[in-house]
Amino acid sequence: MSNVIFITYETRHPMMASFGMTVETIDKKKNFESYIKSLEERHVEIAYLSYEVYRKHSDYLDTYSGNIAFILFDGKESTNNTAKKRMKDLLASSIGIQSR
C-alpha cells in the first residue's frame, strides 16, 4: 500500500493517479478527524489535498500535529507550462519517480 495519497472530493483525478499514488475520494459529510486517524493507522506519510478539501478542513489541518505531511495541491489553478512542469517534477520527486 502506498504511503502517499491524494485526498479529494472529486470522483477521479487522472493527473495525480498518473503519478501512481492512491487517489482517495472522500464524502463532504465524512468525519475528517477520524479519517485522518485512519490514515495514521495505515502509516500514510504524505497526503496531497485538493484545494476544496483544504478549504473545508483548514482549521483542523492548521493545528494538526501528527505524523502526516499535508501538501496543498490546486490543479485547477491556471498556470503557464513552466510552472506546471515544475509542479509535476516536484510531485514526482516527492513520491520517488522520475518525470519526463
C-alpha atoms as a PDB file:
ATOM      1  CA  MET A   1       0.000   0.000   0.000  1.00  0.00           C
ATOM      2  CA  SER A   2       1.276   3.454  -0.879  1.00  0.00           C
ATOM      3  CA  ASN A   3       2.193   5.822   1.905  1.00  0.00           C
ATOM      4  CA  VAL A   4       1.496   8.807  -0.379  1.00  0.00           C
ATOM      5  CA  ILE A   5      -2.114   9.685  -1.190  1.00  0.00           C
ATOM      6  CA  PHE A   6      -4.188  12.429  -2.751  1.00  0.00           C
ATOM      7  CA  ILE A   7      -7.406  13.402  -0.948  1.00  0.00           C
ATOM      8  CA  THR A   8     -10.198  14.970  -2.976  1.00  0.00           C
ATOM      9  CA  TYR A   9     -13.968  15.277  -3.238  1.00  0.00           C
ATOM     10  CA  GLU A  10     -13.849  14.551  -6.984  1.00  0.00           C
ATOM     11  CA  THR A  11     -14.547  11.012  -8.179  1.00  0.00           C
ATOM     12  CA  ARG A  12     -11.467  10.919 -10.385  1.00  0.00           C
ATOM     13  CA  HIS A  13      -8.241  12.823 -10.717  1.00  0.00           C
ATOM     14  CA  PRO A  14      -6.184  11.496 -13.652  1.00  0.00           C
ATOM     15  CA  MET A  15      -3.141  13.721 -13.141  1.00  0.00           C
ATOM     16  CA  MET A  16      -2.495  12.542  -9.587  1.00  0.00           C
ATOM     17  CA  ALA A  17      -3.335   8.944 -10.471  1.00  0.00           C
ATOM     18  CA  SER A  18      -0.774   9.115 -13.276  1.00  0.00           C
ATOM     19  CA  PHE A  19       1.916   9.525 -10.616  1.00  0.00           C
ATOM     20  CA  GLY A  20       0.969   6.145  -9.208  1.00  0.00           C
ATOM     21  CA  MET A  21      -0.320   7.490  -5.918  1.00  0.00           C
ATOM     22  CA  THR A  22      -3.576   6.419  -4.365  1.00  0.00           C
ATOM     23  CA  VAL A  23      -6.404   8.878  -5.017  1.00  0.00           C
ATOM     24  CA  GLU A  24      -8.940   8.801  -2.193  1.00  0.00           C
ATOM     25  CA  THR A  25     -12.319  10.393  -2.755  1.00  0.00           C
ATOM     26  CA  ILE A  26     -13.975  11.364   0.497  1.00  0.00           C
ATOM     27  CA  ASP A  27     -17.537  12.385   1.248  1.00  0.00           C
ATOM     28  CA  LYS A  28     -18.013  16.007   2.322  1.00  0.00           C
ATOM     29  CA  LYS A  29     -20.047  14.758   5.302  1.00  0.00           C
ATOM     30  CA  LYS A  30     -17.342  12.348   6.477  1.00  0.00           C
ATOM     31  CA  ASN A  31     -15.832  12.873   9.945  1.00  0.00           C
ATOM     32  CA  PHE A  32     -12.490  14.265   8.822  1.00  0.00           C
ATOM     33  CA  GLU A  33     -10.659  13.796  12.131  1.00  0.00           C
ATOM     34  CA  SER A  34     -11.476  10.086  12.282  1.00  0.00           C
ATOM     35  CA  TYR A  35     -10.478   9.766   8.620  1.00  0.00           C
ATOM     36  CA  ILE A  36      -7.064  11.296   9.386  1.00  0.00           C
ATOM     37  CA  LYS A  37      -6.644   8.899  12.316  1.00  0.00           C
ATOM     38  CA  SER A  38      -7.331   6.004   9.938  1.00  0.00           C
ATOM     39  CA  LEU A  39      -4.612   7.351   7.621  1.00  0.00           C
ATOM     40  CA  GLU A  40      -2.182   7.402  10.546  1.00  0.00           C
ATOM     41  CA  GLU A  41      -3.060   3.773  11.308  1.00  0.00           C
ATOM     42  CA  ARG A  42      -2.308   2.930   7.661  1.00  0.00           C
ATOM     43  CA  HIS A  43       1.085   4.671   8.015  1.00  0.00           C
ATOM     44  CA  VAL A  44       0.382   7.309   5.367  1.00  0.00           C
ATOM     45  CA  GLU A  45       3.282   9.782   5.406  1.00  0.00           C
ATOM     46  CA  ILE A  46       2.350  12.343   2.744  1.00  0.00           C
ATOM     47  CA  ALA A  47      -1.166  13.465   1.863  1.00  0.00           C
ATOM     48  CA  TYR A  48      -1.739  15.850  -1.005  1.00  0.00           C
ATOM     49  CA  LEU A  49      -5.001  17.756  -0.577  1.00  0.00           C
ATOM     50  CA  SER A  50      -7.257  19.305  -3.166  1.00  0.00           C
ATOM     51  CA  TYR A  51      -7.971  22.966  -2.525  1.00  0.00           C
ATOM     52  CA  GLU A  52     -11.613  22.185  -1.719  1.00  0.00           C
ATOM     53  CA  VAL A  53     -10.661  19.660   0.985  1.00  0.00           C
ATOM     54  CA  TYR A  54      -8.139  22.058   2.493  1.00  0.00           C
ATOM     55  CA  ARG A  55     -10.592  24.963   2.484  1.00  0.00           C
ATOM     56  CA  LYS A  56     -13.258  22.949   4.298  1.00  0.00           C
ATOM     57  CA  HIS A  57     -10.877  21.495   6.914  1.00  0.00           C
ATOM     58  CA  SER A  58      -8.238  24.232   7.205  1.00  0.00           C
ATOM     59  CA  ASP A  59      -8.901  24.858  10.913  1.00  0.00           C
ATOM     60  CA  TYR A  60      -8.133  21.237  11.740  1.00  0.00           C
ATOM     61  CA  LEU A  61      -5.213  20.951   9.311  1.00  0.00           C
ATOM     62  CA  ASP A  62      -3.556  24.171  10.506  1.00  0.00           C
ATOM     63  CA  THR A  63      -3.397  22.805  14.061  1.00  0.00           C
ATOM     64  CA  TYR A  64      -2.628  19.175  13.170  1.00  0.00           C
ATOM     65  CA  SER A  65       0.488  17.862  14.905  1.00  0.00           C
ATOM     66  CA  GLY A  66       0.625  14.233  13.786  1.00  0.00           C
ATOM     67  CA  ASN A  67       2.991  12.341  11.513  1.00  0.00           C
ATOM     68  CA  ILE A  68       1.349  13.081   8.159  1.00  0.00           C
ATOM     69  CA  ALA A  69       2.752  15.864   5.976  1.00  0.00           C
ATOM     70  CA  PHE A  70      -0.125  17.647   4.247  1.00  0.00           C
ATOM     71  CA  ILE A  71       0.581  19.370   0.935  1.00  0.00           C
ATOM     72  CA  LEU A  72      -1.970  21.600  -0.751  1.00  0.00           C
ATOM     73  CA  PHE A  73      -2.384  20.912  -4.463  1.00  0.00           C
ATOM     74  CA  ASP A  74      -4.647  23.052  -6.606  1.00  0.00           C
ATOM     75  CA  GLY A  75      -4.724  21.507 -10.064  1.00  0.00           C
ATOM     76  CA  LYS A  76      -7.339  23.965 -11.300  1.00  0.00           C
ATOM     77  CA  GLU A  77      -5.060  26.953 -10.776  1.00  0.00           C
ATOM     78  CA  SER A  78      -4.298  28.487 -14.145  1.00  0.00           C
ATOM     79  CA  THR A  79      -0.529  28.473 -14.598  1.00  0.00           C
ATOM     80  CA  ASN A  80       1.816  28.537 -17.519  1.00  0.00           C
ATOM     81  CA  ASN A  81       3.512  25.390 -18.844  1.00  0.00           C
ATOM     82  CA  THR A  82       6.781  26.006 -16.978  1.00  0.00           C
ATOM     83  CA  ALA A  83       5.012  26.144 -13.624  1.00  0.00           C
ATOM     84  CA  LYS A  84       3.019  23.020 -14.469  1.00  0.00           C
ATOM     85  CA  LYS A  85       6.202  21.144 -15.389  1.00  0.00           C
ATOM     86  CA  ARG A  86       7.903  22.269 -12.177  1.00  0.00           C
ATOM     87  CA  MET A  87       4.918  21.095 -10.107  1.00  0.00           C
ATOM     88  CA  LYS A  88       4.932  17.768 -11.942  1.00  0.00           C
ATOM     89  CA  ASP A  89       8.663  17.347 -11.233  1.00  0.00           C
ATOM     90  CA  LEU A  90       8.212  18.235  -7.551  1.00  0.00           C
ATOM     91  CA  LEU A  91       5.353  15.778  -7.189  1.00  0.00           C
ATOM     92  CA  ALA A  92       7.285  13.051  -8.945  1.00  0.00           C
ATOM     93  CA  SER A  93      10.396  13.503  -6.827  1.00  0.00           C
ATOM     94  CA  SER A  94       8.375  13.548  -3.609  1.00  0.00           C
ATOM     95  CA  ILE A  95       6.969  10.102  -4.366  1.00  0.00           C
ATOM     96  CA  GLY A  96      10.211   8.723  -5.770  1.00  0.00           C
ATOM     97  CA  ILE A  97       9.592   8.542  -9.509  1.00  0.00           C
ATOM     98  CA  GLN A  98      11.131  10.321 -12.465  1.00  0.00           C
ATOM     99  CA  SER A  99       9.025  12.539 -14.666  1.00  0.00           C
ATOM    100  CA  ARG A 100       9.667  13.376 -18.309  1.00  0.00           C
END
